[in-house]
PDB file of N, CA and C in Angstrom:
ATOM      1  N   MET A   1     -33.258 -18.778  28.882  1.00  0.00           N
ATOM      2  CA  MET A   1     -33.195 -17.220  29.409  1.00  0.00           C
ATOM      3  C   MET A   1     -34.384 -17.083  29.487  1.00  0.00           C
ATOM      4  N   GLU A   2     -33.978 -16.376  30.864  1.00  0.00           N
ATOM      5  CA  GLU A   2     -35.782 -15.225  30.975  1.00  0.00           C
ATOM      6  C   GLU A   2     -35.346 -14.282  31.634  1.00  0.00           C
ATOM      7  N   TYR A   3     -36.128 -13.207  31.029  1.00  0.00           N
ATOM      8  CA  TYR A   3     -35.834 -12.102  30.438  1.00  0.00           C
ATOM      9  C   TYR A   3     -36.581 -11.456  31.632  1.00  0.00           C
ATOM     10  N   ALA A   4     -35.656  -9.859  32.274  1.00  0.00           N
ATOM     11  CA  ALA A   4     -36.183  -9.351  33.548  1.00  0.00           C
ATOM     12  C   ALA A   4     -37.541  -8.309  33.042  1.00  0.00           C
ATOM     13  N   GLY A   5     -38.261  -8.281  34.092  1.00  0.00           N
ATOM     14  CA  GLY A   5     -39.446  -7.303  33.711  1.00  0.00           C
ATOM     15  C   GLY A   5     -39.314  -6.149  33.524  1.00  0.00           C
ATOM     16  N   PHE A   6     -40.410  -5.499  33.282  1.00  0.00           N
ATOM     17  CA  PHE A   6     -40.613  -3.884  33.249  1.00  0.00           C
ATOM     18  C   PHE A   6     -39.856  -3.663  35.271  1.00  0.00           C
ATOM     19  N   TRP A   7     -40.958  -4.305  35.807  1.00  0.00           N
ATOM     20  CA  TRP A   7     -40.458  -3.625  37.735  1.00  0.00           C
ATOM     21  C   TRP A   7     -39.166  -4.029  37.836  1.00  0.00           C
ATOM     22  N   ARG A   8     -38.958  -4.858  37.949  1.00  0.00           N
ATOM     23  CA  ARG A   8     -37.508  -5.052  38.289  1.00  0.00           C
ATOM     24  C   ARG A   8     -36.287  -4.433  38.047  1.00  0.00           C
ATOM     25  N   ARG A   9     -36.560  -4.552  36.539  1.00  0.00           N
ATOM     26  CA  ARG A   9     -35.431  -3.259  36.341  1.00  0.00           C
ATOM     27  C   ARG A   9     -35.615  -1.670  36.708  1.00  0.00           C
ATOM     28  N   PHE A  10     -36.848  -1.573  36.969  1.00  0.00           N
ATOM     29  CA  PHE A  10     -37.367  -0.349  37.251  1.00  0.00           C
ATOM     30  C   PHE A  10     -36.682   0.301  38.914  1.00  0.00           C
ATOM     31  N   TRP A  11     -36.728  -1.228  39.826  1.00  0.00           N
ATOM     32  CA  TRP A  11     -36.379  -0.725  40.945  1.00  0.00           C
ATOM     33  C   TRP A  11     -34.777  -1.092  40.806  1.00  0.00           C
ATOM     34  N   ALA A  12     -34.496  -1.639  39.996  1.00  0.00           N
ATOM     35  CA  ALA A  12     -32.665  -1.528  40.272  1.00  0.00           C
ATOM     36  C   ALA A  12     -32.536  -0.038  39.720  1.00  0.00           C
ATOM     37  N   TYR A  13     -33.148   0.722  38.539  1.00  0.00           N
ATOM     38  CA  TYR A  13     -32.715   1.632  38.137  1.00  0.00           C
ATOM     39  C   TYR A  13     -32.777   2.900  39.308  1.00  0.00           C
ATOM     40  N   LEU A  14     -33.988   2.906  40.009  1.00  0.00           N
ATOM     41  CA  LEU A  14     -33.728   3.387  41.108  1.00  0.00           C
ATOM     42  C   LEU A  14     -32.513   3.377  42.152  1.00  0.00           C
ATOM     43  N   ILE A  15     -32.045   1.918  42.200  1.00  0.00           N
ATOM     44  CA  ILE A  15     -30.927   1.721  43.361  1.00  0.00           C
ATOM     45  C   ILE A  15     -29.785   3.145  42.507  1.00  0.00           C
ATOM     46  N   ASP A  16     -29.904   2.719  40.922  1.00  0.00           N
ATOM     47  CA  ASP A  16     -28.238   3.277  40.417  1.00  0.00           C
ATOM     48  C   ASP A  16     -28.674   4.893  40.548  1.00  0.00           C
ATOM     49  N   CYS A  17     -29.584   4.908  40.366  1.00  0.00           N
ATOM     50  CA  CYS A  17     -29.731   6.253  40.281  1.00  0.00           C
ATOM     51  C   CYS A  17     -29.830   7.289  41.521  1.00  0.00           C
ATOM     52  N   LEU A  18     -30.106   6.243  42.398  1.00  0.00           N
ATOM     53  CA  LEU A  18     -29.485   7.160  44.238  1.00  0.00           C
ATOM     54  C   LEU A  18     -27.591   6.776  44.059  1.00  0.00           C
ATOM     55  N   ILE A  19     -27.532   6.157  43.333  1.00  0.00           N
ATOM     56  CA  ILE A  19     -25.727   6.141  43.817  1.00  0.00           C
ATOM     57  C   ILE A  19     -25.270   7.106  42.626  1.00  0.00           C
ATOM     58  N   VAL A  20     -25.543   6.827  41.702  1.00  0.00           N
ATOM     59  CA  VAL A  20     -25.167   8.369  40.647  1.00  0.00           C
ATOM     60  C   VAL A  20     -25.729   9.756  41.278  1.00  0.00           C
ATOM     61  N   GLY A  21     -26.672   9.752  41.282  1.00  0.00           N
ATOM     62  CA  GLY A  21     -27.108  10.952  42.534  1.00  0.00           C
ATOM     63  C   GLY A  21     -26.349  11.477  43.155  1.00  0.00           C
ATOM     64  N   VAL A  22     -25.636  10.860  44.165  1.00  0.00           N
ATOM     65  CA  VAL A  22     -24.388  11.046  45.153  1.00  0.00           C
ATOM     66  C   VAL A  22     -23.476  11.423  44.269  1.00  0.00           C
ATOM     67  N   ALA A  23     -22.813  10.723  43.871  1.00  0.00           N
ATOM     68  CA  ALA A  23     -21.648  10.723  42.811  1.00  0.00           C
ATOM     69  C   ALA A  23     -21.765  12.032  42.494  1.00  0.00           C
ATOM     70  N   ASN A  24     -22.641  12.632  42.116  1.00  0.00           N
ATOM     71  CA  ASN A  24     -23.389  13.822  40.856  1.00  0.00           C
ATOM     72  C   ASN A  24     -22.853  14.769  41.931  1.00  0.00           C
ATOM     73  N   ALA A  25     -23.950  14.680  42.926  1.00  0.00           N
ATOM     74  CA  ALA A  25     -23.669  15.853  44.307  1.00  0.00           C
ATOM     75  C   ALA A  25     -22.407  16.002  44.791  1.00  0.00           C
ATOM     76  N   ILE A  26     -21.572  14.624  44.953  1.00  0.00           N
ATOM     77  CA  ILE A  26     -20.037  15.068  45.596  1.00  0.00           C
ATOM     78  C   ILE A  26     -19.305  16.481  44.461  1.00  0.00           C
ATOM     79  N   PHE A  27     -19.154  15.630  42.624  1.00  0.00           N
ATOM     80  CA  PHE A  27     -19.120  16.495  41.874  1.00  0.00           C
ATOM     81  C   PHE A  27     -19.628  17.560  41.591  1.00  0.00           C
ATOM     82  N   ILE A  28     -20.484  18.041  42.275  1.00  0.00           N
ATOM     83  CA  ILE A  28     -21.499  19.438  41.499  1.00  0.00           C
ATOM     84  C   ILE A  28     -20.603  20.600  42.466  1.00  0.00           C
ATOM     85  N   SER A  29     -21.119  19.873  44.201  1.00  0.00           N
ATOM     86  CA  SER A  29     -20.347  20.530  45.011  1.00  0.00           C
ATOM     87  C   SER A  29     -18.944  20.615  45.342  1.00  0.00           C
ATOM     88  N   ALA A  30     -17.982  20.106  44.593  1.00  0.00           N
ATOM     89  CA  ALA A  30     -17.100  20.614  44.104  1.00  0.00           C
ATOM     90  C   ALA A  30     -16.727  21.916  43.144  1.00  0.00           C
ATOM     91  N   LYS A  31     -18.067  21.995  42.479  1.00  0.00           N
ATOM     92  CA  LYS A  31     -17.970  23.089  40.923  1.00  0.00           C
ATOM     93  C   LYS A  31     -17.048  22.056  39.821  1.00  0.00           C
ATOM     94  N   MET A  32     -17.483  21.440  39.997  1.00  0.00           N
ATOM     95  CA  MET A  32     -16.830  20.786  38.870  1.00  0.00           C
ATOM     96  C   MET A  32     -18.556  20.202  38.107  1.00  0.00           C
ATOM     97  N   PRO A  33     -19.368  21.048  37.873  1.00  0.00           N
ATOM     98  CA  PRO A  33     -20.681  19.865  36.919  1.00  0.00           C
ATOM     99  C   PRO A  33     -20.784  19.098  35.463  1.00  0.00           C
ATOM    100  N   TYR A  34     -18.999  19.677  35.045  1.00  0.00           N
ATOM    101  CA  TYR A  34     -19.099  19.082  33.907  1.00  0.00           C
ATOM    102  C   TYR A  34     -18.899  17.622  33.729  1.00  0.00           C
ATOM    103  N   ALA A  35     -18.436  17.113  35.085  1.00  0.00           N
ATOM    104  CA  ALA A  35     -18.156  15.328  35.492  1.00  0.00           C
ATOM    105  C   ALA A  35     -19.711  14.820  35.260  1.00  0.00           C
ATOM    106  N   VAL A  36     -20.629  15.386  35.412  1.00  0.00           N
ATOM    107  CA  VAL A  36     -22.235  14.809  35.548  1.00  0.00           C
ATOM    108  C   VAL A  36     -22.120  14.026  34.714  1.00  0.00           C
ATOM    109  N   LEU A  37     -22.254  14.199  33.492  1.00  0.00           N
ATOM    110  CA  LEU A  37     -22.203  13.396  32.775  1.00  0.00           C
ATOM    111  C   LEU A  37     -21.380  12.105  32.293  1.00  0.00           C
ATOM    112  N   PHE A  38     -20.187  12.102  32.747  1.00  0.00           N
ATOM    113  CA  PHE A  38     -19.140  11.081  32.349  1.00  0.00           C
ATOM    114  C   PHE A  38     -19.748  10.498  33.620  1.00  0.00           C
ATOM    115  N   ILE A  39     -19.637  10.927  34.958  1.00  0.00           N
ATOM    116  CA  ILE A  39     -20.187  10.154  35.963  1.00  0.00           C
ATOM    117  C   ILE A  39     -20.828   8.893  35.944  1.00  0.00           C
ATOM    118  N   GLY A  40     -22.162   8.816  35.389  1.00  0.00           N
ATOM    119  CA  GLY A  40     -23.437   8.538  34.958  1.00  0.00           C
ATOM    120  C   GLY A  40     -22.788   7.664  33.626  1.00  0.00           C
ATOM    121  N   TRP A  41     -21.961   7.731  32.634  1.00  0.00           N
ATOM    122  CA  TRP A  41     -21.654   7.506  31.606  1.00  0.00           C
ATOM    123  C   TRP A  41     -20.829   5.882  31.738  1.00  0.00           C
ATOM    124  N   LEU A  42     -19.625   5.985  32.730  1.00  0.00           N
ATOM    125  CA  LEU A  42     -18.562   5.501  33.324  1.00  0.00           C
ATOM    126  C   LEU A  42     -19.633   4.652  34.316  1.00  0.00           C
ATOM    127  N   TYR A  43     -19.839   4.751  34.869  1.00  0.00           N
ATOM    128  CA  TYR A  43     -20.472   4.162  36.286  1.00  0.00           C
ATOM    129  C   TYR A  43     -21.706   2.670  35.185  1.00  0.00           C
ATOM    130  N   TYR A  44     -22.401   3.691  34.213  1.00  0.00           N
ATOM    131  CA  TYR A  44     -23.293   2.417  33.427  1.00  0.00           C
ATOM    132  C   TYR A  44     -22.426   1.662  32.516  1.00  0.00           C
ATOM    133  N   ALA A  45     -21.066   1.884  31.667  1.00  0.00           N
ATOM    134  CA  ALA A  45     -20.833   1.441  30.580  1.00  0.00           C
ATOM    135  C   ALA A  45     -19.877   0.473  31.481  1.00  0.00           C
ATOM    136  N   LEU A  46     -19.460   1.126  32.584  1.00  0.00           N
ATOM    137  CA  LEU A  46     -17.619   0.151  33.163  1.00  0.00           C
ATOM    138  C   LEU A  46     -18.682  -1.011  34.192  1.00  0.00           C
ATOM    139  N   MET A  47     -19.777  -1.016  34.346  1.00  0.00           N
ATOM    140  CA  MET A  47     -20.044  -1.736  35.135  1.00  0.00           C
ATOM    141  C   MET A  47     -21.116  -3.429  33.941  1.00  0.00           C
ATOM    142  N   GLU A  48     -21.944  -2.473  32.963  1.00  0.00           N
ATOM    143  CA  GLU A  48     -22.379  -3.458  32.513  1.00  0.00           C
ATOM    144  C   GLU A  48     -21.519  -4.283  31.211  1.00  0.00           C
ATOM    145  N   SER A  49     -20.519  -3.439  31.372  1.00  0.00           N
ATOM    146  CA  SER A  49     -19.507  -4.360  30.752  1.00  0.00           C
ATOM    147  C   SER A  49     -18.007  -5.560  31.311  1.00  0.00           C
ATOM    148  N   SER A  50     -18.173  -5.290  32.446  1.00  0.00           N
ATOM    149  CA  SER A  50     -17.901  -6.191  33.253  1.00  0.00           C
ATOM    150  C   SER A  50     -17.947  -7.418  34.250  1.00  0.00           C
ATOM    151  N   ASN A  51     -17.453  -8.064  34.594  1.00  0.00           N
ATOM    152  CA  ASN A  51     -17.435  -9.609  34.387  1.00  0.00           C
ATOM    153  C   ASN A  51     -18.353  -9.806  35.348  1.00  0.00           C
ATOM    154  N   THR A  52     -19.331  -8.895  35.846  1.00  0.00           N
ATOM    155  CA  THR A  52     -20.696  -8.406  36.615  1.00  0.00           C
ATOM    156  C   THR A  52     -21.516  -8.516  35.771  1.00  0.00           C
ATOM    157  N   GLN A  53     -21.109  -8.216  34.856  1.00  0.00           N
ATOM    158  CA  GLN A  53     -22.445  -7.928  33.639  1.00  0.00           C
ATOM    159  C   GLN A  53     -23.675  -7.019  34.119  1.00  0.00           C
ATOM    160  N   ALA A  54     -22.865  -5.989  35.147  1.00  0.00           N
ATOM    161  CA  ALA A  54     -24.450  -5.361  36.338  1.00  0.00           C
ATOM    162  C   ALA A  54     -23.991  -4.475  36.906  1.00  0.00           C
ATOM    163  N   THR A  55     -25.211  -3.285  36.940  1.00  0.00           N
ATOM    164  CA  THR A  55     -24.471  -2.426  37.613  1.00  0.00           C
ATOM    165  C   THR A  55     -25.223  -2.788  39.520  1.00  0.00           C
ATOM    166  N   VAL A  56     -24.951  -2.124  40.494  1.00  0.00           N
ATOM    167  CA  VAL A  56     -25.062  -2.080  41.599  1.00  0.00           C
ATOM    168  C   VAL A  56     -26.534  -2.675  41.832  1.00  0.00           C
ATOM    169  N   GLY A  57     -27.446  -1.659  41.046  1.00  0.00           N
ATOM    170  CA  GLY A  57     -28.493  -1.982  41.289  1.00  0.00           C
ATOM    171  C   GLY A  57     -29.331  -3.215  40.852  1.00  0.00           C
ATOM    172  N   LYS A  58     -28.842  -3.528  39.643  1.00  0.00           N
ATOM    173  CA  LYS A  58     -29.012  -4.916  38.727  1.00  0.00           C
ATOM    174  C   LYS A  58     -28.417  -6.117  39.699  1.00  0.00           C
ATOM    175  N   MET A  59     -27.247  -6.336  40.410  1.00  0.00           N
ATOM    176  CA  MET A  59     -26.811  -7.003  41.133  1.00  0.00           C
ATOM    177  C   MET A  59     -27.860  -6.941  42.396  1.00  0.00           C
ATOM    178  N   ALA A  60     -27.828  -6.394  43.047  1.00  0.00           N
ATOM    179  CA  ALA A  60     -29.471  -6.638  44.539  1.00  0.00           C
ATOM    180  C   ALA A  60     -30.466  -7.508  43.670  1.00  0.00           C
ATOM    181  N   LEU A  61     -30.731  -6.967  42.565  1.00  0.00           N
ATOM    182  CA  LEU A  61     -32.076  -7.583  42.879  1.00  0.00           C
ATOM    183  C   LEU A  61     -32.249  -8.775  41.455  1.00  0.00           C
ATOM    184  N   GLY A  62     -30.921  -9.127  41.013  1.00  0.00           N
ATOM    185  CA  GLY A  62     -30.371 -10.298  40.409  1.00  0.00           C
ATOM    186  C   GLY A  62     -30.415 -10.376  38.907  1.00  0.00           C
ATOM    187  N   LEU A  63     -30.456  -8.891  38.224  1.00  0.00           N
ATOM    188  CA  LEU A  63     -29.610  -9.077  36.962  1.00  0.00           C
ATOM    189  C   LEU A  63     -28.733  -8.647  36.004  1.00  0.00           C
ATOM    190  N   TYR A  64     -28.679  -9.316  35.020  1.00  0.00           N
ATOM    191  CA  TYR A  64     -27.247  -8.817  34.053  1.00  0.00           C
ATOM    192  C   TYR A  64     -27.947  -8.048  32.914  1.00  0.00           C
ATOM    193  N   VAL A  65     -27.069  -7.956  31.992  1.00  0.00           N
ATOM    194  CA  VAL A  65     -27.156  -6.980  30.916  1.00  0.00           C
ATOM    195  C   VAL A  65     -26.362  -8.634  30.112  1.00  0.00           C
ATOM    196  N   THR A  66     -26.340  -9.059  28.814  1.00  0.00           N
ATOM    197  CA  THR A  66     -26.091  -9.737  27.911  1.00  0.00           C
ATOM    198  C   THR A  66     -26.024  -9.270  26.164  1.00  0.00           C
ATOM    199  N   ASP A  67     -25.480  -9.503  25.615  1.00  0.00           N
ATOM    200  CA  ASP A  67     -25.836  -9.371  23.835  1.00  0.00           C
ATOM    201  C   ASP A  67     -26.998 -10.031  23.929  1.00  0.00           C
ATOM    202  N   LEU A  68     -27.523 -10.390  22.050  1.00  0.00           N
ATOM    203  CA  LEU A  68     -28.754 -11.102  21.856  1.00  0.00           C
ATOM    204  C   LEU A  68     -28.997 -12.720  21.808  1.00  0.00           C
ATOM    205  N   ASN A  69     -27.281 -12.906  22.368  1.00  0.00           N
ATOM    206  CA  ASN A  69     -26.786 -14.319  22.363  1.00  0.00           C
ATOM    207  C   ASN A  69     -26.736 -14.469  23.288  1.00  0.00           C
ATOM    208  N   GLY A  70     -26.759 -13.869  25.119  1.00  0.00           N
ATOM    209  CA  GLY A  70     -26.880 -14.345  26.028  1.00  0.00           C
ATOM    210  C   GLY A  70     -24.781 -14.088  26.500  1.00  0.00           C
ATOM    211  N   ASN A  71     -24.379 -13.288  25.608  1.00  0.00           N
ATOM    212  CA  ASN A  71     -23.192 -13.077  25.997  1.00  0.00           C
ATOM    213  C   ASN A  71     -22.619 -11.852  26.783  1.00  0.00           C
ATOM    214  N   LYS A  72     -21.245 -11.682  27.270  1.00  0.00           N
ATOM    215  CA  LYS A  72     -21.013 -10.472  27.977  1.00  0.00           C
ATOM    216  C   LYS A  72     -20.442  -9.565  26.899  1.00  0.00           C
ATOM    217  N   ILE A  73     -21.256  -7.856  26.921  1.00  0.00           N
ATOM    218  CA  ILE A  73     -20.910  -7.533  26.137  1.00  0.00           C
ATOM    219  C   ILE A  73     -19.969  -6.495  26.264  1.00  0.00           C
ATOM    220  N   GLY A  74     -19.359  -5.565  25.914  1.00  0.00           N
ATOM    221  CA  GLY A  74     -18.477  -4.847  25.241  1.00  0.00           C
ATOM    222  C   GLY A  74     -18.442  -3.313  26.006  1.00  0.00           C
ATOM    223  N   PHE A  75     -17.625  -2.422  26.536  1.00  0.00           N
ATOM    224  CA  PHE A  75     -17.908  -0.852  26.950  1.00  0.00           C
ATOM    225  C   PHE A  75     -17.994  -0.653  25.927  1.00  0.00           C
ATOM    226  N   GLY A  76     -18.328  -0.308  24.442  1.00  0.00           N
ATOM    227  CA  GLY A  76     -18.667   0.046  23.459  1.00  0.00           C
ATOM    228  C   GLY A  76     -20.301  -0.098  23.678  1.00  0.00           C
ATOM    229  N   ARG A  77     -20.721  -1.250  23.435  1.00  0.00           N
ATOM    230  CA  ARG A  77     -21.755  -1.868  23.102  1.00  0.00           C
ATOM    231  C   ARG A  77     -23.105  -1.092  24.681  1.00  0.00           C
ATOM    232  N   ALA A  78     -21.854  -1.237  25.846  1.00  0.00           N
ATOM    233  CA  ALA A  78     -22.388  -0.597  27.077  1.00  0.00           C
ATOM    234  C   ALA A  78     -22.857   1.139  26.997  1.00  0.00           C
ATOM    235  N   THR A  79     -21.604   1.754  26.295  1.00  0.00           N
ATOM    236  CA  THR A  79     -21.917   3.284  25.588  1.00  0.00           C
ATOM    237  C   THR A  79     -23.144   3.428  25.324  1.00  0.00           C
ATOM    238  N   GLY A  80     -22.896   2.438  23.988  1.00  0.00           N
ATOM    239  CA  GLY A  80     -24.353   2.592  23.286  1.00  0.00           C
ATOM    240  C   GLY A  80     -25.533   2.561  23.820  1.00  0.00           C
ATOM    241  N   ARG A  81     -25.971   1.706  24.553  1.00  0.00           N
ATOM    242  CA  ARG A  81     -26.764   1.602  25.180  1.00  0.00           C
ATOM    243  C   ARG A  81     -27.119   2.254  26.673  1.00  0.00           C
ATOM    244  N   PHE A  82     -26.163   3.193  26.917  1.00  0.00           N
ATOM    245  CA  PHE A  82     -26.111   4.145  27.959  1.00  0.00           C
ATOM    246  C   PHE A  82     -26.621   5.763  27.497  1.00  0.00           C
ATOM    247  N   PHE A  83     -26.198   5.494  26.733  1.00  0.00           N
ATOM    248  CA  PHE A  83     -26.584   7.436  25.248  1.00  0.00           C
ATOM    249  C   PHE A  83     -27.996   6.830  24.582  1.00  0.00           C
ATOM    250  N   GLY A  84     -28.501   5.448  24.519  1.00  0.00           N
ATOM    251  CA  GLY A  84     -29.464   4.871  24.105  1.00  0.00           C
ATOM    252  C   GLY A  84     -31.180   5.362  25.212  1.00  0.00           C
ATOM    253  N   LYS A  85     -30.536   5.553  26.402  1.00  0.00           N
ATOM    254  CA  LYS A  85     -31.482   6.026  27.413  1.00  0.00           C
ATOM    255  C   LYS A  85     -31.815   7.034  27.054  1.00  0.00           C
ATOM    256  N   ILE A  86     -31.255   8.086  26.640  1.00  0.00           N
ATOM    257  CA  ILE A  86     -31.471   9.201  27.158  1.00  0.00           C
ATOM    258  C   ILE A  86     -32.764   9.772  25.943  1.00  0.00           C
ATOM    259  N   ILE A  87     -32.501   8.742  24.639  1.00  0.00           N
ATOM    260  CA  ILE A  87     -33.372   8.831  23.312  1.00  0.00           C
ATOM    261  C   ILE A  87     -34.986   8.263  24.527  1.00  0.00           C
ATOM    262  N   SER A  88     -35.011   7.112  25.388  1.00  0.00           N
ATOM    263  CA  SER A  88     -35.736   6.281  25.850  1.00  0.00           C
ATOM    264  C   SER A  88     -36.142   7.473  26.513  1.00  0.00           C
ATOM    265  N   GLY A  89     -35.493   8.235  27.081  1.00  0.00           N
ATOM    266  CA  GLY A  89     -36.394   9.058  28.215  1.00  0.00           C
ATOM    267  C   GLY A  89     -36.715   9.884  27.414  1.00  0.00           C
ATOM    268  N   LEU A  90     -36.683  10.601  26.160  1.00  0.00           N
ATOM    269  CA  LEU A  90     -36.639  11.690  25.963  1.00  0.00           C
ATOM    270  C   LEU A  90     -38.222  11.454  25.506  1.00  0.00           C
ATOM    271  N   ILE A  91     -38.680  10.606  24.683  1.00  0.00           N
ATOM    272  CA  ILE A  91     -39.445  10.299  24.240  1.00  0.00           C
ATOM    273  C   ILE A  91     -40.893   9.825  25.068  1.00  0.00           C
ATOM    274  N   LEU A  92     -41.376  10.800  26.432  1.00  0.00           N
ATOM    275  CA  LEU A  92     -42.241  10.803  27.247  1.00  0.00           C
ATOM    276  C   LEU A  92     -41.970   9.423  28.350  1.00  0.00           C
ATOM    277  N   CYS A  93     -40.355   8.918  28.567  1.00  0.00           N
ATOM    278  CA  CYS A  93     -40.311   7.642  29.156  1.00  0.00           C
ATOM    279  C   CYS A  93     -40.844   6.584  28.604  1.00  0.00           C
ATOM    280  N   VAL A  94     -41.377   6.362  26.876  1.00  0.00           N
ATOM    281  CA  VAL A  94     -41.717   5.278  27.096  1.00  0.00           C
ATOM    282  C   VAL A  94     -41.230   4.180  25.490  1.00  0.00           C
ATOM    283  N   GLY A  95     -40.034   4.597  26.197  1.00  0.00           N
ATOM    284  CA  GLY A  95     -39.053   3.926  25.380  1.00  0.00           C
ATOM    285  C   GLY A  95     -38.380   3.122  26.713  1.00  0.00           C
ATOM    286  N   PHE A  96     -38.657   3.369  27.858  1.00  0.00           N
ATOM    287  CA  PHE A  96     -38.201   2.349  28.994  1.00  0.00           C
ATOM    288  C   PHE A  96     -39.510   1.306  29.234  1.00  0.00           C
ATOM    289  N   MET A  97     -40.834   2.235  28.852  1.00  0.00           N
ATOM    290  CA  MET A  97     -41.773   1.404  29.642  1.00  0.00           C
ATOM    291  C   MET A  97     -41.984   0.198  28.483  1.00  0.00           C
ATOM    292  N   MET A  98     -41.337   0.372  27.508  1.00  0.00           N
ATOM    293  CA  MET A  98     -41.061  -1.046  26.141  1.00  0.00           C
ATOM    294  C   MET A  98     -41.280  -1.939  26.829  1.00  0.00           C
ATOM    295  N   ALA A  99     -39.918  -2.103  28.025  1.00  0.00           N
ATOM    296  CA  ALA A  99     -39.956  -3.321  28.754  1.00  0.00           C
ATOM    297  C   ALA A  99     -41.001  -4.293  29.417  1.00  0.00           C
ATOM    298  N   GLY A 100     -41.872  -3.183  29.239  1.00  0.00           N
ATOM    299  CA  GLY A 100     -42.851  -4.665  29.658  1.00  0.00           C
ATOM    300  C   GLY A 100     -43.930  -4.685  28.976  1.00  0.00           C
ATOM    301  N   TRP A 101     -43.955  -4.534  27.306  1.00  0.00           N
ATOM    302  CA  TRP A 101     -45.286  -5.142  26.433  1.00  0.00           C
ATOM    303  C   TRP A 101     -44.449  -6.146  25.441  1.00  0.00           C
ATOM    304  N   THR A 102     -42.695  -5.845  25.403  1.00  0.00           N
ATOM    305  CA  THR A 102     -41.945  -6.242  23.791  1.00  0.00           C
ATOM    306  C   THR A 102     -41.745  -7.748  24.420  1.00  0.00           C
ATOM    307  N   ALA A 103     -41.916  -8.781  23.674  1.00  0.00           N
ATOM    308  CA  ALA A 103     -41.437 -10.118  24.159  1.00  0.00           C
ATOM    309  C   ALA A 103     -39.997 -10.609  24.607  1.00  0.00           C
ATOM    310  N   LYS A 104     -39.919  -9.871  24.194  1.00  0.00           N
ATOM    311  CA  LYS A 104     -37.659 -10.516  25.362  1.00  0.00           C
ATOM    312  C   LYS A 104     -37.482  -9.148  26.520  1.00  0.00           C
ATOM    313  N   LYS A 105     -38.579  -8.570  26.765  1.00  0.00           N
ATOM    314  CA  LYS A 105     -38.962  -7.713  27.499  1.00  0.00           C
ATOM    315  C   LYS A 105     -37.611  -6.473  28.074  1.00  0.00           C
ATOM    316  N   GLN A 106     -36.931  -6.155  26.088  1.00  0.00           N
ATOM    317  CA  GLN A 106     -36.217  -4.663  26.039  1.00  0.00           C
ATOM    318  C   GLN A 106     -37.347  -3.771  25.805  1.00  0.00           C
ATOM    319  N   ALA A 107     -36.206  -2.622  26.368  1.00  0.00           N
ATOM    320  CA  ALA A 107     -36.465  -1.643  26.465  1.00  0.00           C
ATOM    321  C   ALA A 107     -35.918  -0.727  24.873  1.00  0.00           C
ATOM    322  N   LEU A 108     -36.507   0.640  24.949  1.00  0.00           N
ATOM    323  CA  LEU A 108     -35.978   1.189  23.256  1.00  0.00           C
ATOM    324  C   LEU A 108     -34.375   1.299  23.090  1.00  0.00           C
ATOM    325  N   HIS A 109     -33.982   1.421  24.332  1.00  0.00           N
ATOM    326  CA  HIS A 109     -32.529   1.405  23.832  1.00  0.00           C
ATOM    327  C   HIS A 109     -31.244  -0.187  24.257  1.00  0.00           C
ATOM    328  N   ASP A 110     -32.531  -0.985  24.758  1.00  0.00           N
ATOM    329  CA  ASP A 110     -31.757  -2.397  24.751  1.00  0.00           C
ATOM    330  C   ASP A 110     -31.588  -2.859  23.269  1.00  0.00           C
ATOM    331  N   MET A 111     -33.185  -2.455  22.667  1.00  0.00           N
ATOM    332  CA  MET A 111     -33.217  -3.018  20.878  1.00  0.00           C
ATOM    333  C   MET A 111     -32.182  -2.219  20.589  1.00  0.00           C
ATOM    334  N   MET A 112     -31.984  -0.850  20.298  1.00  0.00           N
ATOM    335  CA  MET A 112     -30.664  -0.101  19.488  1.00  0.00           C
ATOM    336  C   MET A 112     -29.450  -0.477  20.354  1.00  0.00           C
ATOM    337  N   ALA A 113     -29.007  -0.994  21.270  1.00  0.00           N
ATOM    338  CA  ALA A 113     -27.702  -1.524  21.231  1.00  0.00           C
ATOM    339  C   ALA A 113     -27.652  -3.125  21.114  1.00  0.00           C
ATOM    340  N   GLY A 114     -28.637  -3.483  20.866  1.00  0.00           N
ATOM    341  CA  GLY A 114     -28.360  -4.996  20.488  1.00  0.00           C
ATOM    342  C   GLY A 114     -28.921  -6.065  21.899  1.00  0.00           C
ATOM    343  N   THR A 115     -29.374  -5.782  22.867  1.00  0.00           N
ATOM    344  CA  THR A 115     -28.955  -6.061  24.679  1.00  0.00           C
ATOM    345  C   THR A 115     -30.193  -7.059  24.963  1.00  0.00           C
ATOM    346  N   LEU A 116     -30.070  -7.226  26.041  1.00  0.00           N
ATOM    347  CA  LEU A 116     -31.103  -8.555  26.588  1.00  0.00           C
ATOM    348  C   LEU A 116     -30.177  -7.218  28.138  1.00  0.00           C
ATOM    349  N   VAL A 117     -31.748  -7.818  29.449  1.00  0.00           N
ATOM    350  CA  VAL A 117     -31.418  -7.743  30.593  1.00  0.00           C
ATOM    351  C   VAL A 117     -31.721  -9.358  31.104  1.00  0.00           C
ATOM    352  N   LEU A 118     -31.292  -9.679  31.299  1.00  0.00           N
ATOM    353  CA  LEU A 118     -31.837 -11.418  32.298  1.00  0.00           C
ATOM    354  C   LEU A 118     -31.769 -11.753  33.264  1.00  0.00           C
ATOM    355  N   LYS A 119     -32.613 -12.335  34.490  1.00  0.00           N
ATOM    356  CA  LYS A 119     -32.806 -12.614  35.628  1.00  0.00           C
ATOM    357  C   LYS A 119     -31.244 -13.676  36.080  1.00  0.00           C
ATOM    358  N   ARG A 120     -30.497 -13.499  36.826  1.00  0.00           N
ATOM    359  CA  ARG A 120     -29.941 -14.382  37.089  1.00  0.00           C
ATOM    360  C   ARG A 120     -30.672 -16.010  37.408  1.00  0.00           C
ATOM    361  N   THR A 121     -30.370 -17.055  37.608  1.00  0.00           N
ATOM    362  CA  THR A 121     -30.797 -18.350  37.803  1.00  0.00           C
ATOM    363  C   THR A 121     -29.955 -19.345  39.116  1.00  0.00           C
TER     364      THR A 121
END
């Protein structure tokens, strides 16, 4: 298994933020602001638990999400990973930065959900 490093994950996350941001803008302009949290959650959880095991950003950069044994994750674990990102961000984004210095390149939300982000070979 080849772990995905911080910068590759960062660029994938920016791509995903653009996609989710456009969807959120559409719902906000349609006077449906409560859909914003659901859009992000469903985007990440459905994509990362799908057969691709990756969001559009991760696919573009050749990354995918697995459990600690390299297996596909389910919707529940992908949901936990998504909400764990909130905690990663709340602590001054240190949770995200951890992917740059941990042995398996795991961010805090990966550790909490028991996941890895790997490079496709």
